[in-house]
Amino acid sequence: MKHFTIDEFRCPDCGKAEMNEDFLEALDKARDIAGVPFIITSGFRCKKHNKQVGGKPNSAHLRGLAADIAVQDNKVRFIIVQALLQAGFKRIGIAKKFIHCDMDMTKPYPRIWVY
């Protein structure tokens, strides 16, 4: 990975970072396109941590197919969403303080939702 270390994706509970390689490559591509830092606030999650943070029982985070990226303002939010789309992401969730992206093709796509 050019822009990330695996430590950025570690579960804070169990310490694992079982991320999907294709997902990480696509995220790295999106970061290249965006030209702004991606601060990962959530990557891999074990079941215990996922439950603690209120994640869905079938969350893509559990399979290393998702990440949440911090956003500080509307301009950066737009830049990141645009880059994710250009990099091929087809599942994006937008919240006030973060953007969720995943590559879980067992779920409906393309989708953009708000929290």
PDB file of N, CA and C in Angstrom:
ATOM      1  N   MET A   1       0.836  -1.182   0.000  1.00  0.00           N
ATOM      2  CA  MET A   1       0.000   0.000   0.000  1.00  0.00           C
ATOM      3  C   MET A   1       0.882   1.248   0.000  1.00  0.00           C
ATOM      4  N   LYS A   2       0.472   2.184  -0.784  1.00  0.00           N
ATOM      5  CA  LYS A   2       1.223   3.427  -0.919  1.00  0.00           C
ATOM      6  C   LYS A   2       0.876   4.431   0.187  1.00  0.00           C
ATOM      7  N   HIS A   3      -0.395   4.514   0.540  1.00  0.00           N
ATOM      8  CA  HIS A   3      -0.852   5.574   1.438  1.00  0.00           C
ATOM      9  C   HIS A   3      -1.239   5.117   2.838  1.00  0.00           C
ATOM     10  N   PHE A   4      -1.235   3.832   3.086  1.00  0.00           N
ATOM     11  CA  PHE A   4      -1.712   3.323   4.366  1.00  0.00           C
ATOM     12  C   PHE A   4      -0.746   2.297   4.942  1.00  0.00           C
ATOM     13  N   THR A   5      -0.854   2.093   6.245  1.00  0.00           N
ATOM     14  CA  THR A   5      -0.194   0.961   6.888  1.00  0.00           C
ATOM     15  C   THR A   5      -1.299   0.044   7.394  1.00  0.00           C
ATOM     16  N   ILE A   6      -0.993  -1.214   7.529  1.00  0.00           N
ATOM     17  CA  ILE A   6      -2.000  -2.166   7.987  1.00  0.00           C
ATOM     18  C   ILE A   6      -2.479  -1.821   9.398  1.00  0.00           C
ATOM     19  N   ASP A   7      -1.619  -1.172  10.180  1.00  0.00           N
ATOM     20  CA  ASP A   7      -2.002  -0.802  11.543  1.00  0.00           C
ATOM     21  C   ASP A   7      -3.205   0.127  11.589  1.00  0.00           C
ATOM     22  N   GLU A   8      -3.421   0.917  10.537  1.00  0.00           N
ATOM     23  CA  GLU A   8      -4.559   1.833  10.501  1.00  0.00           C
ATOM     24  C   GLU A   8      -5.894   1.087  10.462  1.00  0.00           C
ATOM     25  N   PHE A   9      -5.856  -0.185  10.097  1.00  0.00           N
ATOM     26  CA  PHE A   9      -7.081  -0.971   9.927  1.00  0.00           C
ATOM     27  C   PHE A   9      -7.298  -1.966  11.065  1.00  0.00           C
ATOM     28  N   ARG A  10      -6.426  -1.974  12.070  1.00  0.00           N
ATOM     29  CA  ARG A  10      -6.526  -2.950  13.165  1.00  0.00           C
ATOM     30  C   ARG A  10      -7.757  -2.711  14.035  1.00  0.00           C
ATOM     31  N   CYS A  11      -8.376  -3.803  14.418  1.00  0.00           N
ATOM     32  CA  CYS A  11      -9.491  -3.751  15.356  1.00  0.00           C
ATOM     33  C   CYS A  11      -8.941  -3.329  16.720  1.00  0.00           C
ATOM     34  N   PRO A  12      -9.523  -2.305  17.342  1.00  0.00           N
ATOM     35  CA  PRO A  12      -9.016  -1.871  18.649  1.00  0.00           C
ATOM     36  C   PRO A  12      -9.269  -2.876  19.769  1.00  0.00           C
ATOM     37  N   ASP A  13     -10.148  -3.843  19.536  1.00  0.00           N
ATOM     38  CA  ASP A  13     -10.442  -4.834  20.564  1.00  0.00           C
ATOM     39  C   ASP A  13      -9.496  -6.031  20.479  1.00  0.00           C
ATOM     40  N   CYS A  14      -9.435  -6.663  19.300  1.00  0.00           N
ATOM     41  CA  CYS A  14      -8.655  -7.902  19.174  1.00  0.00           C
ATOM     42  C   CYS A  14      -7.291  -7.695  18.519  1.00  0.00           C
ATOM     43  N   GLY A  15      -7.082  -6.555  17.875  1.00  0.00           N
ATOM     44  CA  GLY A  15      -5.803  -6.267  17.248  1.00  0.00           C
ATOM     45  C   GLY A  15      -5.616  -6.853  15.859  1.00  0.00           C
ATOM     46  N   LYS A  16      -6.611  -7.574  15.359  1.00  0.00           N
ATOM     47  CA  LYS A  16      -6.486  -8.164  14.021  1.00  0.00           C
ATOM     48  C   LYS A  16      -6.757  -7.102  12.952  1.00  0.00           C
ATOM     49  N   ALA A  17      -6.163  -7.338  11.778  1.00  0.00           N
ATOM     50  CA  ALA A  17      -6.371  -6.445  10.637  1.00  0.00           C
ATOM     51  C   ALA A  17      -6.531  -7.303   9.388  1.00  0.00           C
ATOM     52  N   GLU A  18      -7.548  -8.141   9.394  1.00  0.00           N
ATOM     53  CA  GLU A  18      -7.770  -9.099   8.312  1.00  0.00           C
ATOM     54  C   GLU A  18      -8.508  -8.429   7.151  1.00  0.00           C
ATOM     55  N   MET A  19      -7.804  -7.517   6.483  1.00  0.00           N
ATOM     56  CA  MET A  19      -8.399  -6.740   5.400  1.00  0.00           C
ATOM     57  C   MET A  19      -8.247  -7.452   4.061  1.00  0.00           C
ATOM     58  N   ASN A  20      -9.250  -7.292   3.218  1.00  0.00           N
ATOM     59  CA  ASN A  20      -9.245  -7.844   1.868  1.00  0.00           C
ATOM     60  C   ASN A  20      -8.266  -7.045   1.000  1.00  0.00           C
ATOM     61  N   GLU A  21      -7.381  -7.736   0.298  1.00  0.00           N
ATOM     62  CA  GLU A  21      -6.345  -7.081  -0.517  1.00  0.00           C
ATOM     63  C   GLU A  21      -6.940  -6.223  -1.638  1.00  0.00           C
ATOM     64  N   ASP A  22      -7.977  -6.723  -2.313  1.00  0.00           N
ATOM     65  CA  ASP A  22      -8.605  -5.948  -3.384  1.00  0.00           C
ATOM     66  C   ASP A  22      -9.224  -4.662  -2.836  1.00  0.00           C
ATOM     67  N   PHE A  23      -9.814  -4.753  -1.661  1.00  0.00           N
ATOM     68  CA  PHE A  23     -10.379  -3.572  -1.024  1.00  0.00           C
ATOM     69  C   PHE A  23      -9.286  -2.548  -0.753  1.00  0.00           C
ATOM     70  N   LEU A  24      -8.168  -2.998  -0.183  1.00  0.00           N
ATOM     71  CA  LEU A  24      -7.076  -2.078   0.144  1.00  0.00           C
ATOM     72  C   LEU A  24      -6.484  -1.435  -1.109  1.00  0.00           C
ATOM     73  N   GLU A  25      -6.371  -2.200  -2.178  1.00  0.00           N
ATOM     74  CA  GLU A  25      -5.862  -1.643  -3.438  1.00  0.00           C
ATOM     75  C   GLU A  25      -6.796  -0.562  -3.967  1.00  0.00           C
ATOM     76  N   ALA A  26      -8.099  -0.811  -3.919  1.00  0.00           N
ATOM     77  CA  ALA A  26      -9.072   0.172  -4.397  1.00  0.00           C
ATOM     78  C   ALA A  26      -9.058   1.427  -3.520  1.00  0.00           C
ATOM     79  N   LEU A  27      -8.912   1.240  -2.216  1.00  0.00           N
ATOM     80  CA  LEU A  27      -8.865   2.387  -1.308  1.00  0.00           C
ATOM     81  C   LEU A  27      -7.602   3.218  -1.560  1.00  0.00           C
ATOM     82  N   ASP A  28      -6.491   2.547  -1.812  1.00  0.00           N
ATOM     83  CA  ASP A  28      -5.244   3.239  -2.142  1.00  0.00           C
ATOM     84  C   ASP A  28      -5.400   4.040  -3.440  1.00  0.00           C
ATOM     85  N   LYS A  29      -6.091   3.445  -4.406  1.00  0.00           N
ATOM     86  CA  LYS A  29      -6.360   4.136  -5.678  1.00  0.00           C
ATOM     87  C   LYS A  29      -7.217   5.380  -5.434  1.00  0.00           C
ATOM     88  N   ALA A  30      -8.250   5.243  -4.609  1.00  0.00           N
ATOM     89  CA  ALA A  30      -9.110   6.381  -4.293  1.00  0.00           C
ATOM     90  C   ALA A  30      -8.316   7.490  -3.608  1.00  0.00           C
ATOM     91  N   ARG A  31      -7.421   7.108  -2.728  1.00  0.00           N
ATOM     92  CA  ARG A  31      -6.578   8.107  -2.035  1.00  0.00           C
ATOM     93  C   ARG A  31      -5.689   8.837  -3.033  1.00  0.00           C
ATOM     94  N   ASP A  32      -5.140   8.116  -4.008  1.00  0.00           N
ATOM     95  CA  ASP A  32      -4.343   8.741  -5.075  1.00  0.00           C
ATOM     96  C   ASP A  32      -5.171   9.769  -5.836  1.00  0.00           C
ATOM     97  N   ILE A  33      -6.376   9.381  -6.206  1.00  0.00           N
ATOM     98  CA  ILE A  33      -7.266  10.254  -6.970  1.00  0.00           C
ATOM     99  C   ILE A  33      -7.625  11.499  -6.161  1.00  0.00           C
ATOM    100  N   ALA A  34      -7.942  11.306  -4.886  1.00  0.00           N
ATOM    101  CA  ALA A  34      -8.420  12.408  -4.043  1.00  0.00           C
ATOM    102  C   ALA A  34      -7.352  13.465  -3.796  1.00  0.00           C
ATOM    103  N   GLY A  35      -6.137  13.028  -3.560  1.00  0.00           N
ATOM    104  CA  GLY A  35      -5.077  13.978  -3.261  1.00  0.00           C
ATOM    105  C   GLY A  35      -5.204  14.622  -1.887  1.00  0.00           C
ATOM    106  N   VAL A  36      -6.030  14.045  -1.030  1.00  0.00           N
ATOM    107  CA  VAL A  36      -6.156  14.503   0.355  1.00  0.00           C
ATOM    108  C   VAL A  36      -5.979  13.289   1.264  1.00  0.00           C
ATOM    109  N   PRO A  37      -5.514  13.494   2.490  1.00  0.00           N
ATOM    110  CA  PRO A  37      -5.345  12.356   3.405  1.00  0.00           C
ATOM    111  C   PRO A  37      -6.657  11.650   3.704  1.00  0.00           C
ATOM    112  N   PHE A  38      -6.591  10.333   3.848  1.00  0.00           N
ATOM    113  CA  PHE A  38      -7.722   9.537   4.319  1.00  0.00           C
ATOM    114  C   PHE A  38      -7.357   9.084   5.737  1.00  0.00           C
ATOM    115  N   ILE A  39      -8.075   9.568   6.718  1.00  0.00           N
ATOM    116  CA  ILE A  39      -7.846   9.161   8.095  1.00  0.00           C
ATOM    117  C   ILE A  39      -8.855   8.066   8.416  1.00  0.00           C
ATOM    118  N   ILE A  40      -8.343   6.847   8.594  1.00  0.00           N
ATOM    119  CA  ILE A  40      -9.198   5.685   8.832  1.00  0.00           C
ATOM    120  C   ILE A  40      -9.624   5.662  10.297  1.00  0.00           C
ATOM    121  N   THR A  41     -10.922   5.698  10.528  1.00  0.00           N
ATOM    122  CA  THR A  41     -11.432   5.646  11.905  1.00  0.00           C
ATOM    123  C   THR A  41     -11.930   4.255  12.271  1.00  0.00           C
ATOM    124  N   SER A  42     -12.171   3.419  11.262  1.00  0.00           N
ATOM    125  CA  SER A  42     -12.598   2.044  11.511  1.00  0.00           C
ATOM    126  C   SER A  42     -12.276   1.200  10.293  1.00  0.00           C
ATOM    127  N   GLY A  43     -11.597   0.099  10.521  1.00  0.00           N
ATOM    128  CA  GLY A  43     -11.274  -0.848   9.454  1.00  0.00           C
ATOM    129  C   GLY A  43     -11.853  -2.201   9.819  1.00  0.00           C
ATOM    130  N   PHE A  44     -10.973  -3.158  10.082  1.00  0.00           N
ATOM    131  CA  PHE A  44     -11.432  -4.489  10.475  1.00  0.00           C
ATOM    132  C   PHE A  44     -12.061  -4.419  11.862  1.00  0.00           C
ATOM    133  N   ARG A  45     -13.136  -5.168  12.054  1.00  0.00           N
ATOM    134  CA  ARG A  45     -13.772  -5.290  13.370  1.00  0.00           C
ATOM    135  C   ARG A  45     -14.031  -6.754  13.695  1.00  0.00           C
ATOM    136  N   CYS A  46     -13.698  -7.145  14.922  1.00  0.00           N
ATOM    137  CA  CYS A  46     -14.128  -8.460  15.396  1.00  0.00           C
ATOM    138  C   CYS A  46     -15.596  -8.323  15.806  1.00  0.00           C
ATOM    139  N   LYS A  47     -16.255  -9.441  16.030  1.00  0.00           N
ATOM    140  CA  LYS A  47     -17.679  -9.406  16.376  1.00  0.00           C
ATOM    141  C   LYS A  47     -17.934  -8.596  17.643  1.00  0.00           C
ATOM    142  N   LYS A  48     -17.066  -8.758  18.626  1.00  0.00           N
ATOM    143  CA  LYS A  48     -17.249  -8.053  19.900  1.00  0.00           C
ATOM    144  C   LYS A  48     -17.190  -6.531  19.688  1.00  0.00           C
ATOM    145  N   HIS A  49     -16.162  -6.070  18.982  1.00  0.00           N
ATOM    146  CA  HIS A  49     -16.025  -4.623  18.760  1.00  0.00           C
ATOM    147  C   HIS A  49     -17.158  -4.092  17.886  1.00  0.00           C
ATOM    148  N   ASN A  50     -17.529  -4.850  16.872  1.00  0.00           N
ATOM    149  CA  ASN A  50     -18.619  -4.434  15.994  1.00  0.00           C
ATOM    150  C   ASN A  50     -19.899  -4.202  16.801  1.00  0.00           C
ATOM    151  N   LYS A  51     -20.165  -5.104  17.732  1.00  0.00           N
ATOM    152  CA  LYS A  51     -21.351  -4.955  18.584  1.00  0.00           C
ATOM    153  C   LYS A  51     -21.216  -3.732  19.487  1.00  0.00           C
ATOM    154  N   GLN A  52     -20.019  -3.519  20.033  1.00  0.00           N
ATOM    155  CA  GLN A  52     -19.786  -2.377  20.927  1.00  0.00           C
ATOM    156  C   GLN A  52     -20.040  -1.035  20.236  1.00  0.00           C
ATOM    157  N   VAL A  53     -19.702  -0.945  18.945  1.00  0.00           N
ATOM    158  CA  VAL A  53     -19.865   0.326  18.221  1.00  0.00           C
ATOM    159  C   VAL A  53     -21.215   0.432  17.514  1.00  0.00           C
ATOM    160  N   GLY A  54     -22.073  -0.559  17.706  1.00  0.00           N
ATOM    161  CA  GLY A  54     -23.405  -0.518  17.111  1.00  0.00           C
ATOM    162  C   GLY A  54     -23.433  -0.891  15.639  1.00  0.00           C
ATOM    163  N   GLY A  55     -22.425  -1.654  15.195  1.00  0.00           N
ATOM    164  CA  GLY A  55     -22.381  -2.098  13.803  1.00  0.00           C
ATOM    165  C   GLY A  55     -23.454  -3.138  13.502  1.00  0.00           C
ATOM    166  N   LYS A  56     -23.816  -3.239  12.251  1.00  0.00           N
ATOM    167  CA  LYS A  56     -24.788  -4.238  11.814  1.00  0.00           C
ATOM    168  C   LYS A  56     -24.198  -5.638  12.031  1.00  0.00           C
ATOM    169  N   PRO A  57     -25.033  -6.623  12.365  1.00  0.00           N
ATOM    170  CA  PRO A  57     -24.527  -7.984  12.591  1.00  0.00           C
ATOM    171  C   PRO A  57     -23.805  -8.582  11.375  1.00  0.00           C
ATOM    172  N   ASN A  58     -24.153  -8.137  10.183  1.00  0.00           N
ATOM    173  CA  ASN A  58     -23.499  -8.660   8.976  1.00  0.00           C
ATOM    174  C   ASN A  58     -22.598  -7.599   8.326  1.00  0.00           C
ATOM    175  N   SER A  59     -22.038  -6.721   9.129  1.00  0.00           N
ATOM    176  CA  SER A  59     -21.202  -5.615   8.646  1.00  0.00           C
ATOM    177  C   SER A  59     -20.040  -6.098   7.773  1.00  0.00           C
ATOM    178  N   ALA A  60     -19.774  -5.340   6.722  1.00  0.00           N
ATOM    179  CA  ALA A  60     -18.625  -5.629   5.851  1.00  0.00           C
ATOM    180  C   ALA A  60     -17.313  -5.449   6.604  1.00  0.00           C
ATOM    181  N   HIS A  61     -17.306  -4.689   7.686  1.00  0.00           N
ATOM    182  CA  HIS A  61     -16.099  -4.532   8.513  1.00  0.00           C
ATOM    183  C   HIS A  61     -15.642  -5.882   9.079  1.00  0.00           C
ATOM    184  N   LEU A  62     -16.593  -6.772   9.352  1.00  0.00           N
ATOM    185  CA  LEU A  62     -16.274  -8.087   9.926  1.00  0.00           C
ATOM    186  C   LEU A  62     -15.459  -8.954   8.975  1.00  0.00           C
ATOM    187  N   ARG A  63     -15.547  -8.657   7.680  1.00  0.00           N
ATOM    188  CA  ARG A  63     -14.839  -9.442   6.661  1.00  0.00           C
ATOM    189  C   ARG A  63     -13.710  -8.666   5.997  1.00  0.00           C
ATOM    190  N   GLY A  64     -13.349  -7.518   6.574  1.00  0.00           N
ATOM    191  CA  GLY A  64     -12.250  -6.740   6.020  1.00  0.00           C
ATOM    192  C   GLY A  64     -12.569  -6.108   4.682  1.00  0.00           C
ATOM    193  N   LEU A  65     -13.841  -5.836   4.450  1.00  0.00           N
ATOM    194  CA  LEU A  65     -14.282  -5.264   3.178  1.00  0.00           C
ATOM    195  C   LEU A  65     -14.794  -3.842   3.320  1.00  0.00           C
ATOM    196  N   ALA A  66     -14.472  -3.177   4.438  1.00  0.00           N
ATOM    197  CA  ALA A  66     -14.999  -1.834   4.673  1.00  0.00           C
ATOM    198  C   ALA A  66     -14.030  -0.986   5.474  1.00  0.00           C
ATOM    199  N   ALA A  67     -14.191   0.326   5.329  1.00  0.00           N
ATOM    200  CA  ALA A  67     -13.459   1.285   6.146  1.00  0.00           C
ATOM    201  C   ALA A  67     -14.311   2.528   6.310  1.00  0.00           C
ATOM    202  N   ASP A  68     -14.085   3.214   7.414  1.00  0.00           N
ATOM    203  CA  ASP A  68     -14.689   4.512   7.649  1.00  0.00           C
ATOM    204  C   ASP A  68     -13.571   5.543   7.607  1.00  0.00           C
ATOM    205  N   ILE A  69     -13.824   6.641   6.902  1.00  0.00           N
ATOM    206  CA  ILE A  69     -12.834   7.687   6.685  1.00  0.00           C
ATOM    207  C   ILE A  69     -13.350   8.972   7.321  1.00  0.00           C
ATOM    208  N   ALA A  70     -12.546   9.591   8.178  1.00  0.00           N
ATOM    209  CA  ALA A  70     -12.939  10.841   8.830  1.00  0.00           C
ATOM    210  C   ALA A  70     -13.054  11.961   7.798  1.00  0.00           C
ATOM    211  N   VAL A  71     -14.041  12.828   7.997  1.00  0.00           N
ATOM    212  CA  VAL A  71     -14.171  14.031   7.163  1.00  0.00           C
ATOM    213  C   VAL A  71     -14.359  15.234   8.074  1.00  0.00           C
ATOM    214  N   GLN A  72     -13.740  16.349   7.681  1.00  0.00           N
ATOM    215  CA  GLN A  72     -13.830  17.537   8.527  1.00  0.00           C
ATOM    216  C   GLN A  72     -14.705  18.633   7.943  1.00  0.00           C
ATOM    217  N   ASP A  73     -14.992  18.578   6.632  1.00  0.00           N
ATOM    218  CA  ASP A  73     -15.843  19.610   6.059  1.00  0.00           C
ATOM    219  C   ASP A  73     -16.466  19.123   4.748  1.00  0.00           C
ATOM    220  N   ASN A  74     -17.371  19.929   4.206  1.00  0.00           N
ATOM    221  CA  ASN A  74     -18.108  19.547   3.005  1.00  0.00           C
ATOM    222  C   ASN A  74     -17.226  19.420   1.776  1.00  0.00           C
ATOM    223  N   LYS A  75     -16.211  20.247   1.662  1.00  0.00           N
ATOM    224  CA  LYS A  75     -15.318  20.181   0.503  1.00  0.00           C
ATOM    225  C   LYS A  75     -14.572  18.855   0.477  1.00  0.00           C
ATOM    226  N   VAL A  76     -13.995  18.475   1.611  1.00  0.00           N
ATOM    227  CA  VAL A  76     -13.262  17.202   1.690  1.00  0.00           C
ATOM    228  C   VAL A  76     -14.210  16.027   1.507  1.00  0.00           C
ATOM    229  N   ARG A  77     -15.420  16.133   2.043  1.00  0.00           N
ATOM    230  CA  ARG A  77     -16.423  15.068   1.867  1.00  0.00           C
ATOM    231  C   ARG A  77     -16.678  14.840   0.377  1.00  0.00           C
ATOM    232  N   PHE A  78     -16.865  15.914  -0.374  1.00  0.00           N
ATOM    233  CA  PHE A  78     -17.102  15.806  -1.810  1.00  0.00           C
ATOM    234  C   PHE A  78     -15.907  15.171  -2.515  1.00  0.00           C
ATOM    235  N   ILE A  79     -14.705  15.637  -2.193  1.00  0.00           N
ATOM    236  CA  ILE A  79     -13.487  15.117  -2.829  1.00  0.00           C
ATOM    237  C   ILE A  79     -13.353  13.613  -2.583  1.00  0.00           C
ATOM    238  N   ILE A  80     -13.585  13.179  -1.350  1.00  0.00           N
ATOM    239  CA  ILE A  80     -13.435  11.763  -1.013  1.00  0.00           C
ATOM    240  C   ILE A  80     -14.507  10.916  -1.702  1.00  0.00           C
ATOM    241  N   VAL A  81     -15.755  11.363  -1.665  1.00  0.00           N
ATOM    242  CA  VAL A  81     -16.823  10.596  -2.319  1.00  0.00           C
ATOM    243  C   VAL A  81     -16.561  10.487  -3.817  1.00  0.00           C
ATOM    244  N   GLN A  82     -16.172  11.582  -4.440  1.00  0.00           N
ATOM    245  CA  GLN A  82     -15.877  11.568  -5.869  1.00  0.00           C
ATOM    246  C   GLN A  82     -14.740  10.586  -6.186  1.00  0.00           C
ATOM    247  N   ALA A  83     -13.702  10.594  -5.372  1.00  0.00           N
ATOM    248  CA  ALA A  83     -12.560   9.692  -5.581  1.00  0.00           C
ATOM    249  C   ALA A  83     -12.964   8.231  -5.384  1.00  0.00           C
ATOM    250  N   LEU A  84     -13.791   7.957  -4.376  1.00  0.00           N
ATOM    251  CA  LEU A  84     -14.255   6.583  -4.139  1.00  0.00           C
ATOM    252  C   LEU A  84     -15.035   6.071  -5.347  1.00  0.00           C
ATOM    253  N   LEU A  85     -15.905   6.915  -5.882  1.00  0.00           N
ATOM    254  CA  LEU A  85     -16.672   6.520  -7.061  1.00  0.00           C
ATOM    255  C   LEU A  85     -15.746   6.266  -8.254  1.00  0.00           C
ATOM    256  N   GLN A  86     -14.795   7.135  -8.463  1.00  0.00           N
ATOM    257  CA  GLN A  86     -13.862   6.969  -9.579  1.00  0.00           C
ATOM    258  C   GLN A  86     -13.007   5.713  -9.422  1.00  0.00           C
ATOM    259  N   ALA A  87     -12.733   5.338  -8.182  1.00  0.00           N
ATOM    260  CA  ALA A  87     -11.919   4.141  -7.916  1.00  0.00           C
ATOM    261  C   ALA A  87     -12.743   2.860  -8.001  1.00  0.00           C
ATOM    262  N   GLY A  88     -14.059   2.987  -8.203  1.00  0.00           N
ATOM    263  CA  GLY A  88     -14.890   1.807  -8.403  1.00  0.00           C
ATOM    264  C   GLY A  88     -15.746   1.380  -7.233  1.00  0.00           C
ATOM    265  N   PHE A  89     -15.755   2.142  -6.148  1.00  0.00           N
ATOM    266  CA  PHE A  89     -16.602   1.772  -5.013  1.00  0.00           C
ATOM    267  C   PHE A  89     -18.068   1.961  -5.384  1.00  0.00           C
ATOM    268  N   LYS A  90     -18.883   0.980  -5.030  1.00  0.00           N
ATOM    269  CA  LYS A  90     -20.301   1.006  -5.369  1.00  0.00           C
ATOM    270  C   LYS A  90     -21.205   1.002  -4.134  1.00  0.00           C
ATOM    271  N   ARG A  91     -20.581   1.094  -2.945  1.00  0.00           N
ATOM    272  CA  ARG A  91     -21.329   1.157  -1.691  1.00  0.00           C
ATOM    273  C   ARG A  91     -20.667   2.209  -0.802  1.00  0.00           C
ATOM    274  N   ILE A  92     -21.387   3.321  -0.591  1.00  0.00           N
ATOM    275  CA  ILE A  92     -20.835   4.435   0.173  1.00  0.00           C
ATOM    276  C   ILE A  92     -21.903   4.959   1.129  1.00  0.00           C
ATOM    277  N   GLY A  93     -21.527   5.122   2.383  1.00  0.00           N
ATOM    278  CA  GLY A  93     -22.406   5.707   3.384  1.00  0.00           C
ATOM    279  C   GLY A  93     -21.828   7.036   3.836  1.00  0.00           C
ATOM    280  N   ILE A  94     -22.674   8.052   3.932  1.00  0.00           N
ATOM    281  CA  ILE A  94     -22.201   9.385   4.271  1.00  0.00           C
ATOM    282  C   ILE A  94     -22.809   9.829   5.605  1.00  0.00           C
ATOM    283  N   ALA A  95     -21.926  10.166   6.532  1.00  0.00           N
ATOM    284  CA  ALA A  95     -22.332  10.688   7.840  1.00  0.00           C
ATOM    285  C   ALA A  95     -21.710  12.076   8.021  1.00  0.00           C
ATOM    286  N   LYS A  96     -22.079  12.719   9.096  1.00  0.00           N
ATOM    287  CA  LYS A  96     -21.566  14.077   9.336  1.00  0.00           C
ATOM    288  C   LYS A  96     -20.050  14.083   9.527  1.00  0.00           C
ATOM    289  N   LYS A  97     -19.512  13.096  10.223  1.00  0.00           N
ATOM    290  CA  LYS A  97     -18.089  13.091  10.571  1.00  0.00           C
ATOM    291  C   LYS A  97     -17.267  12.023   9.861  1.00  0.00           C
ATOM    292  N   PHE A  98     -17.910  11.151   9.070  1.00  0.00           N
ATOM    293  CA  PHE A  98     -17.159  10.101   8.377  1.00  0.00           C
ATOM    294  C   PHE A  98     -17.869   9.657   7.104  1.00  0.00           C
ATOM    295  N   ILE A  99     -17.094   8.970   6.266  1.00  0.00           N
ATOM    296  CA  ILE A  99     -17.632   8.314   5.077  1.00  0.00           C
ATOM    297  C   ILE A  99     -17.300   6.839   5.196  1.00  0.00           C
ATOM    298  N   HIS A 100     -18.308   6.009   5.043  1.00  0.00           N
ATOM    299  CA  HIS A 100     -18.121   4.555   5.017  1.00  0.00           C
ATOM    300  C   HIS A 100     -18.007   4.129   3.556  1.00  0.00           C
ATOM    301  N   CYS A 101     -17.057   3.259   3.270  1.00  0.00           N
ATOM    302  CA  CYS A 101     -16.994   2.654   1.938  1.00  0.00           C
ATOM    303  C   CYS A 101     -16.780   1.164   2.122  1.00  0.00           C
ATOM    304  N   ASP A 102     -17.419   0.391   1.272  1.00  0.00           N
ATOM    305  CA  ASP A 102     -17.199  -1.050   1.330  1.00  0.00           C
ATOM    306  C   ASP A 102     -17.321  -1.673  -0.049  1.00  0.00           C
ATOM    307  N   MET A 103     -16.806  -2.891  -0.135  1.00  0.00           N
ATOM    308  CA  MET A 103     -16.839  -3.668  -1.377  1.00  0.00           C
ATOM    309  C   MET A 103     -17.517  -5.004  -1.133  1.00  0.00           C
ATOM    310  N   ASP A 104     -18.566  -4.998  -0.331  1.00  0.00           N
ATOM    311  CA  ASP A 104     -19.293  -6.223  -0.020  1.00  0.00           C
ATOM    312  C   ASP A 104     -20.372  -6.431  -1.080  1.00  0.00           C
ATOM    313  N   MET A 105     -20.043  -7.185  -2.092  1.00  0.00           N
ATOM    314  CA  MET A 105     -20.957  -7.375  -3.218  1.00  0.00           C
ATOM    315  C   MET A 105     -22.047  -8.410  -2.928  1.00  0.00           C
ATOM    316  N   THR A 106     -22.101  -8.912  -1.676  1.00  0.00           N
ATOM    317  CA  THR A 106     -23.232  -9.751  -1.281  1.00  0.00           C
ATOM    318  C   THR A 106     -24.410  -8.868  -0.866  1.00  0.00           C
ATOM    319  N   LYS A 107     -24.163  -7.574  -0.763  1.00  0.00           N
ATOM    320  CA  LYS A 107     -25.203  -6.616  -0.391  1.00  0.00           C
ATOM    321  C   LYS A 107     -25.608  -5.817  -1.624  1.00  0.00           C
ATOM    322  N   PRO A 108     -26.784  -5.186  -1.572  1.00  0.00           N
ATOM    323  CA  PRO A 108     -27.246  -4.429  -2.742  1.00  0.00           C
ATOM    324  C   PRO A 108     -26.270  -3.326  -3.157  1.00  0.00           C
ATOM    325  N   TYR A 109     -26.062  -3.192  -4.438  1.00  0.00           N
ATOM    326  CA  TYR A 109     -25.217  -2.135  -4.988  1.00  0.00           C
ATOM    327  C   TYR A 109     -25.680  -1.831  -6.401  1.00  0.00           C
ATOM    328  N   PRO A 110     -25.427  -0.677  -6.952  1.00  0.00           N
ATOM    329  CA  PRO A 110     -24.756   0.454  -6.296  1.00  0.00           C
ATOM    330  C   PRO A 110     -25.688   1.133  -5.296  1.00  0.00           C
ATOM    331  N   ARG A 111     -25.088   1.648  -4.236  1.00  0.00           N
ATOM    332  CA  ARG A 111     -25.851   2.324  -3.176  1.00  0.00           C
ATOM    333  C   ARG A 111     -25.017   3.449  -2.576  1.00  0.00           C
ATOM    334  N   ILE A 112     -25.680   4.575  -2.315  1.00  0.00           N
ATOM    335  CA  ILE A 112     -25.140   5.637  -1.464  1.00  0.00           C
ATOM    336  C   ILE A 112     -26.232   5.934  -0.455  1.00  0.00           C
ATOM    337  N   TRP A 113     -25.880   5.929   0.825  1.00  0.00           N
ATOM    338  CA  TRP A 113     -26.875   6.184   1.853  1.00  0.00           C
ATOM    339  C   TRP A 113     -26.322   7.216   2.845  1.00  0.00           C
ATOM    340  N   VAL A 114     -27.214   7.723   3.670  1.00  0.00           N
ATOM    341  CA  VAL A 114     -26.820   8.669   4.719  1.00  0.00           C
ATOM    342  C   VAL A 114     -27.153   8.065   6.079  1.00  0.00           C
ATOM    343  N   TYR A 115     -26.391   8.477   7.068  1.00  0.00           N
ATOM    344  CA  TYR A 115     -26.611   8.029   8.459  1.00  0.00           C
ATOM    345  C   TYR A 115     -27.345   9.109   9.216  1.00  0.00           C
TER     346      TYR A 115
END
